[in-house]
Amino acid sequence: MKGAPRRIRSRMTSGVVALVPLVVTVYILRALFRLTAGILLPLVDPAVADWPWLLRAGLSLAILLVVIYFLGELATNLVGRRVLQLGEELLLRVPFVKVIYRASKQVVTAFQKPDSAAFKSVVMVEFPRRGTRAIGFLTSTFTLADGAVWHSVFVPTTPNPTTGFLQYFPAEDVIPTSFSVEEAFKMVMSLGVLTPERMSELLTERLPA
């Protein structure tokens, strides 16, 4: 009986560790499911009004996946590319829509480049003030007219790494790390609980004054 409290705490901790990834995964899948169902259910409802809601929602998701696949097929052949180009030209004539479309396309294109450094390198920077350190993802590098090299770094918030801060640092103020992107996401999402031991080596490095 003396070991019962310790055993209960151990099992509760193990249960939380097992539950949190499941909850996060289900939350993301549910958000995607609700998005696709909200778009397509109104279109398919008249034809399948007698079906159970779950089947109708599954059908809407399947339709969306098929549409995405055929758009990919369309974009890979000559005639299809021309059709998409014409549609793009029409979108770019609409004042407000063209801003959103152009920006989103540029972001997607940037991530598709084979030589893109976006979210492939994990770095450490002084943020939000001098003397503190934060994990960040290197997103781009550029050179100023005077030859100075700067980096743009995305510093994620915790425990939700999909939001964060875009910061610009001189190259000498950015500490490269050997962390993988997966390790960095684990640190952020676990509130620092899952921190690799080699973090202590990085924290002892001093940035140039």
N, C-alpha and C. Protein backbone atom coordinates (compact mmCIF):
# COMPACT_ATOMS: atom_id res chain seq x y z
N MET A 1 0.83 -1.21 0.00
CA MET A 1 0.00 0.00 0.00
C MET A 1 0.87 1.27 0.00
N LYS A 2 2.10 1.18 0.59
CA LYS A 2 2.95 2.35 0.64
C LYS A 2 3.33 2.83 -0.76
N GLY A 3 3.44 1.87 -1.67
CA GLY A 3 3.85 2.25 -3.02
C GLY A 3 2.69 2.62 -3.91
N ALA A 4 1.47 2.57 -3.40
CA ALA A 4 0.29 2.85 -4.22
C ALA A 4 0.28 4.27 -4.76
N PRO A 5 0.52 5.32 -3.94
CA PRO A 5 0.52 6.69 -4.49
C PRO A 5 1.54 6.88 -5.60
N ARG A 6 2.75 6.30 -5.40
CA ARG A 6 3.78 6.43 -6.43
C ARG A 6 3.35 5.72 -7.70
N ARG A 7 2.73 4.55 -7.55
CA ARG A 7 2.28 3.79 -8.72
C ARG A 7 1.18 4.56 -9.46
N ILE A 8 0.27 5.17 -8.71
CA ILE A 8 -0.81 5.94 -9.33
C ILE A 8 -0.26 7.13 -10.10
N ARG A 9 0.71 7.86 -9.47
CA ARG A 9 1.31 9.01 -10.15
C ARG A 9 2.02 8.57 -11.42
N SER A 10 2.74 7.43 -11.33
CA SER A 10 3.45 6.93 -12.51
C SER A 10 2.49 6.59 -13.64
N ARG A 11 1.38 5.92 -13.29
CA ARG A 11 0.42 5.53 -14.32
C ARG A 11 -0.29 6.75 -14.89
N MET A 12 -0.59 7.73 -14.04
CA MET A 12 -1.24 8.94 -14.52
C MET A 12 -0.33 9.70 -15.49
N THR A 13 0.95 9.78 -15.15
CA THR A 13 1.90 10.45 -16.04
C THR A 13 2.01 9.73 -17.37
N SER A 14 2.10 8.40 -17.33
CA SER A 14 2.16 7.63 -18.57
C SER A 14 0.90 7.81 -19.39
N GLY A 15 -0.24 7.89 -18.70
CA GLY A 15 -1.51 8.09 -19.41
C GLY A 15 -1.56 9.44 -20.11
N VAL A 16 -1.06 10.49 -19.44
CA VAL A 16 -1.04 11.82 -20.05
C VAL A 16 -0.12 11.84 -21.26
N VAL A 17 1.06 11.21 -21.13
CA VAL A 17 2.01 11.15 -22.25
C VAL A 17 1.40 10.44 -23.46
N ALA A 18 0.60 9.41 -23.19
CA ALA A 18 -0.05 8.69 -24.29
C ALA A 18 -1.23 9.46 -24.86
N LEU A 19 -1.91 10.24 -23.99
CA LEU A 19 -3.15 10.91 -24.41
C LEU A 19 -2.89 12.18 -25.22
N VAL A 20 -1.89 12.97 -24.82
CA VAL A 20 -1.67 14.27 -25.46
C VAL A 20 -1.44 14.17 -26.96
N PRO A 21 -0.55 13.29 -27.45
CA PRO A 21 -0.39 13.19 -28.91
C PRO A 21 -1.68 12.79 -29.63
N LEU A 22 -2.47 11.92 -28.99
CA LEU A 22 -3.73 11.50 -29.59
C LEU A 22 -4.70 12.67 -29.69
N VAL A 23 -4.77 13.47 -28.62
CA VAL A 23 -5.68 14.62 -28.62
C VAL A 23 -5.28 15.63 -29.69
N VAL A 24 -3.97 15.91 -29.78
CA VAL A 24 -3.49 16.86 -30.79
C VAL A 24 -3.80 16.36 -32.19
N THR A 25 -3.55 15.07 -32.44
CA THR A 25 -3.81 14.49 -33.77
C THR A 25 -5.29 14.55 -34.11
N VAL A 26 -6.13 14.16 -33.15
CA VAL A 26 -7.58 14.18 -33.39
C VAL A 26 -8.06 15.60 -33.62
N TYR A 27 -7.50 16.56 -32.89
CA TYR A 27 -7.91 17.97 -33.05
C TYR A 27 -7.61 18.46 -34.46
N ILE A 28 -6.41 18.15 -34.96
CA ILE A 28 -6.02 18.59 -36.30
C ILE A 28 -6.88 17.92 -37.36
N LEU A 29 -7.10 16.60 -37.22
CA LEU A 29 -7.92 15.87 -38.18
C LEU A 29 -9.37 16.37 -38.15
N ARG A 30 -9.85 16.69 -36.95
CA ARG A 30 -11.22 17.18 -36.84
C ARG A 30 -11.37 18.54 -37.51
N ALA A 31 -10.36 19.41 -37.33
CA ALA A 31 -10.41 20.73 -37.98
C ALA A 31 -10.42 20.59 -39.49
N LEU A 32 -9.58 19.69 -40.01
CA LEU A 32 -9.55 19.46 -41.46
C LEU A 32 -10.87 18.88 -41.94
N PHE A 33 -11.41 17.95 -41.16
CA PHE A 33 -12.67 17.30 -41.52
C PHE A 33 -13.81 18.32 -41.57
N ARG A 34 -13.89 19.18 -40.55
CA ARG A 34 -14.96 20.18 -40.51
C ARG A 34 -14.82 21.19 -41.64
N LEU A 35 -13.57 21.52 -42.00
CA LEU A 35 -13.36 22.46 -43.09
C LEU A 35 -13.86 21.90 -44.41
N THR A 36 -13.45 20.67 -44.71
CA THR A 36 -13.85 20.07 -45.99
C THR A 36 -15.35 19.78 -46.02
N ALA A 37 -15.90 19.32 -44.90
CA ALA A 37 -17.33 19.04 -44.86
C ALA A 37 -18.13 20.33 -45.03
N GLY A 38 -17.65 21.41 -44.40
CA GLY A 38 -18.36 22.68 -44.51
C GLY A 38 -18.39 23.23 -45.92
N ILE A 39 -17.35 22.92 -46.69
CA ILE A 39 -17.29 23.40 -48.07
C ILE A 39 -18.15 22.55 -49.00
N LEU A 40 -18.08 21.24 -48.84
CA LEU A 40 -18.67 20.35 -49.83
C LEU A 40 -20.04 19.79 -49.47
N LEU A 41 -20.37 19.72 -48.18
CA LEU A 41 -21.66 19.15 -47.82
C LEU A 41 -22.84 19.88 -48.47
N PRO A 42 -22.85 21.22 -48.50
CA PRO A 42 -23.97 21.89 -49.15
C PRO A 42 -24.12 21.51 -50.62
N LEU A 43 -23.04 21.11 -51.26
CA LEU A 43 -23.09 20.74 -52.67
C LEU A 43 -23.63 19.34 -52.89
N VAL A 44 -23.32 18.42 -51.96
CA VAL A 44 -23.72 17.03 -52.16
C VAL A 44 -24.99 16.66 -51.40
N ASP A 45 -25.41 17.51 -50.47
CA ASP A 45 -26.58 17.20 -49.65
C ASP A 45 -27.84 16.88 -50.45
N PRO A 46 -28.18 17.65 -51.50
CA PRO A 46 -29.42 17.35 -52.22
C PRO A 46 -29.47 15.93 -52.78
N ALA A 47 -28.32 15.39 -53.20
CA ALA A 47 -28.30 14.06 -53.82
C ALA A 47 -28.23 12.93 -52.81
N VAL A 48 -27.73 13.23 -51.62
CA VAL A 48 -27.56 12.17 -50.61
C VAL A 48 -28.25 12.56 -49.32
N ALA A 49 -29.38 13.20 -49.41
CA ALA A 49 -30.07 13.70 -48.22
C ALA A 49 -30.45 12.60 -47.24
N ASP A 50 -30.67 11.37 -47.75
CA ASP A 50 -31.09 10.27 -46.89
C ASP A 50 -29.91 9.54 -46.24
N TRP A 51 -28.72 9.87 -46.61
CA TRP A 51 -27.56 9.19 -46.05
C TRP A 51 -27.30 9.68 -44.62
N PRO A 52 -26.68 8.86 -43.76
CA PRO A 52 -26.24 9.34 -42.44
C PRO A 52 -25.23 10.47 -42.60
N TRP A 53 -25.22 11.38 -41.63
CA TRP A 53 -24.35 12.54 -41.75
C TRP A 53 -22.89 12.15 -41.90
N LEU A 54 -22.46 11.13 -41.18
CA LEU A 54 -21.06 10.73 -41.23
C LEU A 54 -20.67 10.27 -42.62
N LEU A 55 -21.55 9.51 -43.28
CA LEU A 55 -21.26 9.06 -44.64
C LEU A 55 -21.22 10.24 -45.61
N ARG A 56 -22.14 11.20 -45.41
CA ARG A 56 -22.15 12.36 -46.30
C ARG A 56 -20.88 13.20 -46.12
N ALA A 57 -20.45 13.35 -44.87
CA ALA A 57 -19.22 14.09 -44.61
C ALA A 57 -18.01 13.36 -45.19
N GLY A 58 -17.99 12.02 -45.06
CA GLY A 58 -16.91 11.24 -45.64
C GLY A 58 -16.87 11.37 -47.16
N LEU A 59 -18.06 11.42 -47.76
CA LEU A 59 -18.14 11.60 -49.21
C LEU A 59 -17.59 12.96 -49.62
N SER A 60 -17.91 14.01 -48.85
CA SER A 60 -17.41 15.34 -49.18
C SER A 60 -15.89 15.39 -49.10
N LEU A 61 -15.32 14.71 -48.10
CA LEU A 61 -13.87 14.67 -47.97
C LEU A 61 -13.24 13.91 -49.14
N ALA A 62 -13.88 12.80 -49.52
CA ALA A 62 -13.37 12.03 -50.65
C ALA A 62 -13.41 12.84 -51.94
N ILE A 63 -14.49 13.60 -52.12
CA ILE A 63 -14.60 14.45 -53.32
C ILE A 63 -13.49 15.49 -53.34
N LEU A 64 -13.21 16.09 -52.17
CA LEU A 64 -12.16 17.09 -52.11
C LEU A 64 -10.80 16.49 -52.48
N LEU A 65 -10.51 15.30 -51.98
CA LEU A 65 -9.23 14.65 -52.30
C LEU A 65 -9.14 14.34 -53.79
N VAL A 66 -10.25 13.92 -54.39
CA VAL A 66 -10.26 13.63 -55.83
C VAL A 66 -10.04 14.92 -56.63
N VAL A 67 -10.69 16.00 -56.19
CA VAL A 67 -10.51 17.29 -56.88
C VAL A 67 -9.06 17.73 -56.81
N ILE A 68 -8.43 17.60 -55.63
CA ILE A 68 -7.03 17.99 -55.48
C ILE A 68 -6.14 17.15 -56.38
N TYR A 69 -6.43 15.85 -56.47
CA TYR A 69 -5.62 14.96 -57.31
C TYR A 69 -5.72 15.37 -58.78
N PHE A 70 -6.94 15.63 -59.24
CA PHE A 70 -7.11 15.98 -60.65
C PHE A 70 -6.55 17.37 -60.96
N LEU A 71 -6.56 18.27 -59.97
CA LEU A 71 -5.89 19.55 -60.17
C LEU A 71 -4.39 19.33 -60.36
N GLY A 72 -3.83 18.40 -59.59
CA GLY A 72 -2.41 18.07 -59.75
C GLY A 72 -2.13 17.49 -61.12
N GLU A 73 -3.02 16.61 -61.60
CA GLU A 73 -2.87 16.05 -62.95
C GLU A 73 -2.97 17.16 -63.99
N LEU A 74 -3.91 18.07 -63.77
CA LEU A 74 -4.11 19.16 -64.71
C LEU A 74 -2.89 20.07 -64.78
N ALA A 75 -2.27 20.29 -63.63
CA ALA A 75 -1.14 21.21 -63.57
C ALA A 75 0.14 20.63 -64.16
N THR A 76 0.16 19.32 -64.46
CA THR A 76 1.37 18.69 -64.95
C THR A 76 1.36 18.45 -66.46
N ASN A 77 0.29 18.81 -67.14
CA ASN A 77 0.30 18.67 -68.60
C ASN A 77 0.14 20.03 -69.25
N LEU A 78 0.53 20.12 -70.51
CA LEU A 78 0.62 21.40 -71.20
C LEU A 78 -0.72 22.12 -71.29
N VAL A 79 -1.77 21.39 -71.71
CA VAL A 79 -3.09 22.01 -71.85
C VAL A 79 -3.61 22.45 -70.48
N GLY A 80 -3.43 21.59 -69.49
CA GLY A 80 -3.90 21.92 -68.15
C GLY A 80 -3.21 23.15 -67.59
N ARG A 81 -1.89 23.26 -67.80
CA ARG A 81 -1.17 24.43 -67.31
C ARG A 81 -1.70 25.71 -67.96
N ARG A 82 -2.05 25.61 -69.25
CA ARG A 82 -2.58 26.78 -69.94
C ARG A 82 -3.95 27.17 -69.38
N VAL A 83 -4.77 26.18 -69.08
CA VAL A 83 -6.09 26.46 -68.49
C VAL A 83 -5.94 27.12 -67.13
N LEU A 84 -5.04 26.57 -66.30
CA LEU A 84 -4.81 27.15 -64.98
C LEU A 84 -4.22 28.56 -65.09
N GLN A 85 -3.39 28.77 -66.09
CA GLN A 85 -2.81 30.10 -66.29
C GLN A 85 -3.89 31.12 -66.63
N LEU A 86 -4.85 30.71 -67.47
CA LEU A 86 -5.95 31.61 -67.81
C LEU A 86 -6.79 31.94 -66.57
N GLY A 87 -7.06 30.91 -65.75
CA GLY A 87 -7.81 31.14 -64.53
C GLY A 87 -7.06 32.06 -63.57
N GLU A 88 -5.72 31.88 -63.51
CA GLU A 88 -4.91 32.73 -62.66
C GLU A 88 -4.94 34.18 -63.12
N GLU A 89 -4.90 34.38 -64.43
CA GLU A 89 -4.95 35.74 -64.97
C GLU A 89 -6.26 36.43 -64.61
N LEU A 90 -7.35 35.66 -64.60
CA LEU A 90 -8.64 36.24 -64.22
C LEU A 90 -8.65 36.64 -62.73
N LEU A 91 -8.08 35.76 -61.89
CA LEU A 91 -8.03 36.06 -60.45
C LEU A 91 -7.20 37.31 -60.18
N LEU A 92 -6.11 37.47 -60.93
CA LEU A 92 -5.22 38.59 -60.70
C LEU A 92 -5.80 39.92 -61.16
N ARG A 93 -6.97 39.88 -61.80
CA ARG A 93 -7.64 41.11 -62.20
C ARG A 93 -8.57 41.63 -61.10
N VAL A 94 -8.84 40.80 -60.11
CA VAL A 94 -9.72 41.20 -59.00
C VAL A 94 -8.86 41.85 -57.93
N PRO A 95 -9.12 43.12 -57.58
CA PRO A 95 -8.21 43.89 -56.70
C PRO A 95 -7.84 43.21 -55.40
N PHE A 96 -8.81 42.77 -54.59
CA PHE A 96 -8.50 42.22 -53.28
C PHE A 96 -8.04 40.77 -53.38
N VAL A 97 -8.68 40.01 -54.26
CA VAL A 97 -8.36 38.58 -54.41
C VAL A 97 -6.93 38.39 -54.89
N LYS A 98 -6.45 39.26 -55.78
CA LYS A 98 -5.12 39.07 -56.36
C LYS A 98 -4.02 39.16 -55.30
N VAL A 99 -4.23 40.00 -54.27
CA VAL A 99 -3.23 40.13 -53.22
C VAL A 99 -3.10 38.82 -52.45
N ILE A 100 -4.25 38.25 -52.06
CA ILE A 100 -4.25 36.99 -51.31
C ILE A 100 -3.68 35.85 -52.15
N TYR A 101 -4.14 35.77 -53.40
CA TYR A 101 -3.72 34.67 -54.27
C TYR A 101 -2.22 34.73 -54.54
N ARG A 102 -1.72 35.92 -54.88
CA ARG A 102 -0.30 36.06 -55.22
C ARG A 102 0.58 35.74 -54.02
N ALA A 103 0.19 36.23 -52.84
CA ALA A 103 0.99 35.99 -51.64
C ALA A 103 1.02 34.50 -51.29
N SER A 104 -0.15 33.85 -51.33
CA SER A 104 -0.21 32.42 -50.99
C SER A 104 0.57 31.59 -51.98
N LYS A 105 0.51 31.97 -53.26
CA LYS A 105 1.24 31.21 -54.28
C LYS A 105 2.75 31.37 -54.09
N GLN A 106 3.19 32.56 -53.74
CA GLN A 106 4.61 32.79 -53.52
C GLN A 106 5.12 31.97 -52.33
N VAL A 107 4.29 31.88 -51.27
CA VAL A 107 4.69 31.09 -50.11
C VAL A 107 4.84 29.61 -50.47
N VAL A 108 3.83 29.08 -51.18
CA VAL A 108 3.88 27.66 -51.57
C VAL A 108 5.06 27.40 -52.49
N THR A 109 5.31 28.30 -53.44
CA THR A 109 6.42 28.13 -54.37
C THR A 109 7.75 28.14 -53.64
N ALA A 110 7.88 29.02 -52.64
CA ALA A 110 9.12 29.11 -51.87
C ALA A 110 9.42 27.81 -51.15
N PHE A 111 8.38 27.17 -50.60
CA PHE A 111 8.59 25.92 -49.87
C PHE A 111 8.90 24.76 -50.82
N GLN A 112 8.50 24.88 -52.09
CA GLN A 112 8.71 23.80 -53.05
C GLN A 112 10.10 23.80 -53.65
N LYS A 113 10.85 24.91 -53.54
CA LYS A 113 12.17 24.99 -54.14
C LYS A 113 13.11 23.99 -53.49
N PRO A 114 13.85 23.20 -54.30
CA PRO A 114 14.76 22.20 -53.73
C PRO A 114 15.82 22.82 -52.83
N ASP A 115 16.27 24.05 -53.17
CA ASP A 115 17.33 24.68 -52.39
C ASP A 115 16.79 25.57 -51.28
N SER A 116 15.48 25.50 -51.03
CA SER A 116 14.90 26.34 -50.00
C SER A 116 15.37 25.91 -48.62
N ALA A 117 15.72 26.91 -47.80
CA ALA A 117 16.16 26.62 -46.43
C ALA A 117 15.02 26.72 -45.44
N ALA A 118 13.81 27.01 -45.93
CA ALA A 118 12.68 27.25 -45.05
C ALA A 118 12.38 26.03 -44.19
N PHE A 119 12.44 26.22 -42.88
CA PHE A 119 12.10 25.20 -41.89
C PHE A 119 12.94 23.94 -42.03
N LYS A 120 14.15 24.08 -42.56
CA LYS A 120 15.06 22.95 -42.64
C LYS A 120 16.20 23.08 -41.65
N SER A 121 16.39 24.30 -41.14
CA SER A 121 17.48 24.54 -40.19
C SER A 121 16.93 25.10 -38.89
N VAL A 122 17.35 24.50 -37.79
CA VAL A 122 16.94 24.96 -36.46
C VAL A 122 18.08 25.80 -35.89
N VAL A 123 17.76 26.99 -35.43
CA VAL A 123 18.77 27.90 -34.91
C VAL A 123 18.36 28.39 -33.53
N MET A 124 19.27 29.11 -32.89
CA MET A 124 18.97 29.72 -31.60
C MET A 124 19.32 31.21 -31.69
N VAL A 125 18.43 32.04 -31.16
CA VAL A 125 18.62 33.49 -31.22
C VAL A 125 18.30 34.10 -29.85
N GLU A 126 18.78 35.33 -29.65
CA GLU A 126 18.44 36.07 -28.44
C GLU A 126 17.09 36.72 -28.65
N PHE A 127 16.10 36.21 -27.96
CA PHE A 127 14.72 36.69 -28.12
C PHE A 127 13.93 36.27 -26.88
N PRO A 128 13.07 37.11 -26.33
CA PRO A 128 12.64 38.43 -26.81
C PRO A 128 13.52 39.59 -26.34
N ARG A 129 14.61 39.30 -25.61
CA ARG A 129 15.49 40.38 -25.16
C ARG A 129 16.89 39.81 -25.02
N ARG A 130 17.85 40.70 -24.89
CA ARG A 130 19.24 40.28 -24.70
C ARG A 130 19.37 39.46 -23.42
N GLY A 131 20.15 38.40 -23.53
CA GLY A 131 20.37 37.55 -22.37
C GLY A 131 19.48 36.32 -22.34
N THR A 132 18.45 36.28 -23.19
CA THR A 132 17.59 35.10 -23.26
C THR A 132 17.80 34.41 -24.60
N ARG A 133 17.43 33.16 -24.69
CA ARG A 133 17.59 32.39 -25.92
C ARG A 133 16.25 31.78 -26.33
N ALA A 134 16.06 31.66 -27.61
CA ALA A 134 14.83 31.06 -28.14
C ALA A 134 15.18 30.18 -29.32
N ILE A 135 14.42 29.09 -29.45
CA ILE A 135 14.55 28.20 -30.60
C ILE A 135 13.80 28.82 -31.77
N GLY A 136 14.42 28.78 -32.95
CA GLY A 136 13.77 29.32 -34.14
C GLY A 136 14.08 28.48 -35.37
N PHE A 137 13.35 28.76 -36.43
CA PHE A 137 13.55 28.07 -37.70
C PHE A 137 14.04 29.07 -38.74
N LEU A 138 15.17 28.76 -39.36
CA LEU A 138 15.71 29.63 -40.40
C LEU A 138 14.82 29.52 -41.63
N THR A 139 14.31 30.65 -42.11
CA THR A 139 13.39 30.63 -43.25
C THR A 139 14.00 31.21 -44.52
N SER A 140 14.95 32.14 -44.40
CA SER A 140 15.61 32.66 -45.60
C SER A 140 16.87 33.43 -45.20
N THR A 141 17.73 33.64 -46.18
CA THR A 141 18.97 34.38 -46.00
C THR A 141 19.12 35.39 -47.13
N PHE A 142 19.54 36.60 -46.81
CA PHE A 142 19.73 37.60 -47.85
C PHE A 142 20.92 38.48 -47.50
N THR A 143 21.47 39.12 -48.53
CA THR A 143 22.66 39.95 -48.38
C THR A 143 22.32 41.39 -48.70
N LEU A 144 22.73 42.31 -47.81
CA LEU A 144 22.49 43.72 -48.01
C LEU A 144 23.51 44.32 -48.98
N ALA A 145 23.28 45.57 -49.38
CA ALA A 145 24.16 46.23 -50.35
C ALA A 145 25.59 46.35 -49.83
N ASP A 146 25.75 46.46 -48.50
CA ASP A 146 27.10 46.60 -47.94
C ASP A 146 27.78 45.25 -47.70
N GLY A 147 27.11 44.16 -48.11
CA GLY A 147 27.69 42.83 -47.97
C GLY A 147 27.31 42.11 -46.70
N ALA A 148 26.59 42.78 -45.81
CA ALA A 148 26.17 42.15 -44.56
C ALA A 148 25.12 41.08 -44.83
N VAL A 149 25.27 39.93 -44.17
CA VAL A 149 24.34 38.81 -44.34
C VAL A 149 23.34 38.80 -43.19
N TRP A 150 22.07 38.72 -43.51
CA TRP A 150 21.01 38.66 -42.52
C TRP A 150 20.18 37.41 -42.72
N HIS A 151 19.56 36.95 -41.63
CA HIS A 151 18.67 35.79 -41.67
C HIS A 151 17.28 36.19 -41.20
N SER A 152 16.27 35.62 -41.83
CA SER A 152 14.92 35.73 -41.28
C SER A 152 14.65 34.44 -40.51
N VAL A 153 14.17 34.60 -39.29
CA VAL A 153 13.97 33.47 -38.38
C VAL A 153 12.54 33.49 -37.85
N PHE A 154 11.88 32.34 -37.94
CA PHE A 154 10.55 32.20 -37.35
C PHE A 154 10.70 31.62 -35.96
N VAL A 155 10.28 32.38 -34.95
CA VAL A 155 10.34 31.93 -33.56
C VAL A 155 8.94 31.48 -33.15
N PRO A 156 8.71 30.17 -32.98
CA PRO A 156 7.36 29.68 -32.68
C PRO A 156 6.95 29.92 -31.24
N THR A 157 5.65 29.99 -31.02
CA THR A 157 5.12 30.05 -29.66
C THR A 157 4.91 28.63 -29.15
N THR A 158 4.78 28.51 -27.85
CA THR A 158 4.58 27.20 -27.24
C THR A 158 3.29 27.19 -26.43
N PRO A 159 2.52 26.12 -26.48
CA PRO A 159 2.78 24.82 -27.11
C PRO A 159 2.28 24.72 -28.56
N ASN A 160 1.83 25.84 -29.13
CA ASN A 160 1.30 25.82 -30.49
C ASN A 160 2.32 26.41 -31.46
N PRO A 161 3.10 25.58 -32.16
CA PRO A 161 4.16 26.10 -33.03
C PRO A 161 3.67 26.67 -34.35
N THR A 162 2.36 26.65 -34.59
CA THR A 162 1.85 27.20 -35.84
C THR A 162 1.73 28.72 -35.79
N THR A 163 1.91 29.31 -34.62
CA THR A 163 1.95 30.76 -34.48
C THR A 163 3.31 31.16 -33.93
N GLY A 164 3.69 32.41 -34.15
CA GLY A 164 5.00 32.83 -33.67
C GLY A 164 5.35 34.21 -34.14
N PHE A 165 6.66 34.49 -34.19
CA PHE A 165 7.15 35.81 -34.52
C PHE A 165 8.20 35.70 -35.63
N LEU A 166 8.08 36.58 -36.62
CA LEU A 166 9.08 36.65 -37.67
C LEU A 166 10.09 37.72 -37.30
N GLN A 167 11.35 37.32 -37.13
CA GLN A 167 12.40 38.23 -36.70
C GLN A 167 13.55 38.21 -37.71
N TYR A 168 14.26 39.34 -37.81
CA TYR A 168 15.42 39.44 -38.70
C TYR A 168 16.67 39.69 -37.86
N PHE A 169 17.71 38.87 -38.10
CA PHE A 169 18.93 38.94 -37.32
C PHE A 169 20.15 38.98 -38.24
N PRO A 170 21.18 39.74 -37.85
CA PRO A 170 22.46 39.61 -38.56
C PRO A 170 22.96 38.17 -38.43
N ALA A 171 23.66 37.69 -39.42
CA ALA A 171 24.11 36.29 -39.42
C ALA A 171 24.92 35.95 -38.18
N GLU A 172 25.71 36.92 -37.68
CA GLU A 172 26.55 36.64 -36.51
C GLU A 172 25.74 36.52 -35.23
N ASP A 173 24.49 36.94 -35.23
CA ASP A 173 23.64 36.83 -34.05
C ASP A 173 22.78 35.56 -34.05
N VAL A 174 23.00 34.71 -35.02
CA VAL A 174 22.22 33.48 -35.12
C VAL A 174 23.14 32.29 -34.85
N ILE A 175 22.77 31.47 -33.88
CA ILE A 175 23.56 30.30 -33.53
C ILE A 175 22.99 29.07 -34.23
N PRO A 176 23.73 28.44 -35.11
CA PRO A 176 23.25 27.19 -35.72
C PRO A 176 23.22 26.07 -34.70
N THR A 177 22.31 25.13 -34.86
CA THR A 177 22.23 23.98 -33.95
C THR A 177 22.25 22.69 -34.76
N SER A 178 22.45 21.60 -34.06
CA SER A 178 22.40 20.29 -34.70
C SER A 178 21.04 19.62 -34.49
N PHE A 179 20.07 20.38 -33.94
CA PHE A 179 18.75 19.81 -33.71
C PHE A 179 18.03 19.57 -35.04
N SER A 180 17.30 18.49 -35.11
CA SER A 180 16.44 18.26 -36.26
C SER A 180 15.16 19.07 -36.08
N VAL A 181 14.43 19.26 -37.18
CA VAL A 181 13.16 19.98 -37.09
C VAL A 181 12.21 19.25 -36.14
N GLU A 182 12.22 17.92 -36.18
CA GLU A 182 11.34 17.15 -35.30
C GLU A 182 11.68 17.39 -33.84
N GLU A 183 12.98 17.43 -33.52
CA GLU A 183 13.39 17.67 -32.14
C GLU A 183 12.95 19.06 -31.68
N ALA A 184 13.08 20.04 -32.57
CA ALA A 184 12.67 21.40 -32.21
C ALA A 184 11.18 21.47 -31.94
N PHE A 185 10.38 20.82 -32.77
CA PHE A 185 8.93 20.81 -32.55
C PHE A 185 8.59 20.11 -31.25
N LYS A 186 9.30 19.05 -30.91
CA LYS A 186 9.06 18.35 -29.65
C LYS A 186 9.32 19.27 -28.46
N MET A 187 10.40 20.04 -28.54
CA MET A 187 10.71 20.96 -27.46
C MET A 187 9.62 22.00 -27.28
N VAL A 188 9.17 22.56 -28.41
CA VAL A 188 8.16 23.61 -28.35
C VAL A 188 6.84 23.07 -27.82
N MET A 189 6.40 21.94 -28.36
CA MET A 189 5.10 21.40 -27.99
C MET A 189 5.08 20.81 -26.59
N SER A 190 6.24 20.41 -26.07
CA SER A 190 6.29 19.83 -24.72
C SER A 190 6.60 20.88 -23.66
N LEU A 191 6.62 22.17 -24.05
CA LEU A 191 6.95 23.26 -23.13
C LEU A 191 8.36 23.12 -22.57
N GLY A 192 9.24 22.51 -23.35
CA GLY A 192 10.62 22.37 -22.93
C GLY A 192 10.92 21.11 -22.15
N VAL A 193 9.91 20.29 -21.90
CA VAL A 193 10.14 19.05 -21.14
C VAL A 193 11.05 18.11 -21.92
N LEU A 194 10.81 18.00 -23.23
CA LEU A 194 11.61 17.12 -24.07
C LEU A 194 12.77 17.91 -24.68
N THR A 195 13.74 18.25 -23.87
CA THR A 195 14.89 19.03 -24.31
C THR A 195 16.12 18.13 -24.38
N PRO A 196 16.78 18.03 -25.54
CA PRO A 196 17.99 17.21 -25.65
C PRO A 196 19.09 17.68 -24.71
N GLU A 197 19.94 16.76 -24.30
CA GLU A 197 20.99 17.08 -23.34
C GLU A 197 22.00 18.06 -23.93
N ARG A 198 22.20 18.03 -25.25
CA ARG A 198 23.20 18.92 -25.85
C ARG A 198 22.74 20.38 -25.86
N MET A 199 21.56 20.67 -25.35
CA MET A 199 21.11 22.05 -25.24
C MET A 199 22.05 22.85 -24.34
N SER A 200 22.61 22.20 -23.32
CA SER A 200 23.50 22.90 -22.39
C SER A 200 24.72 23.46 -23.11
N GLU A 201 25.18 22.76 -24.15
CA GLU A 201 26.34 23.25 -24.89
C GLU A 201 25.99 24.55 -25.63
N LEU A 202 24.79 24.62 -26.18
CA LEU A 202 24.38 25.82 -26.90
C LEU A 202 24.20 27.00 -25.96
N LEU A 203 23.68 26.73 -24.78
CA LEU A 203 23.42 27.82 -23.83
C LEU A 203 24.70 28.41 -23.28
N THR A 204 25.82 27.67 -23.37
CA THR A 204 27.08 28.21 -22.88
C THR A 204 27.80 29.05 -23.94
N GLU A 205 27.34 28.95 -25.18
CA GLU A 205 27.94 29.77 -26.25
C GLU A 205 27.52 31.21 -26.07
N ARG A 206 28.43 32.10 -26.33
CA ARG A 206 28.13 33.53 -26.20
C ARG A 206 28.04 34.16 -27.57
N LEU A 207 26.99 34.93 -27.77
CA LEU A 207 26.86 35.66 -29.02
C LEU A 207 27.78 36.89 -28.99
N PRO A 208 28.23 37.34 -30.15
CA PRO A 208 29.07 38.55 -30.17
C PRO A 208 28.36 39.72 -29.55
N ALA A 209 29.07 40.54 -28.81
CA ALA A 209 28.45 41.71 -28.15
C ALA A 209 28.07 42.75 -29.21
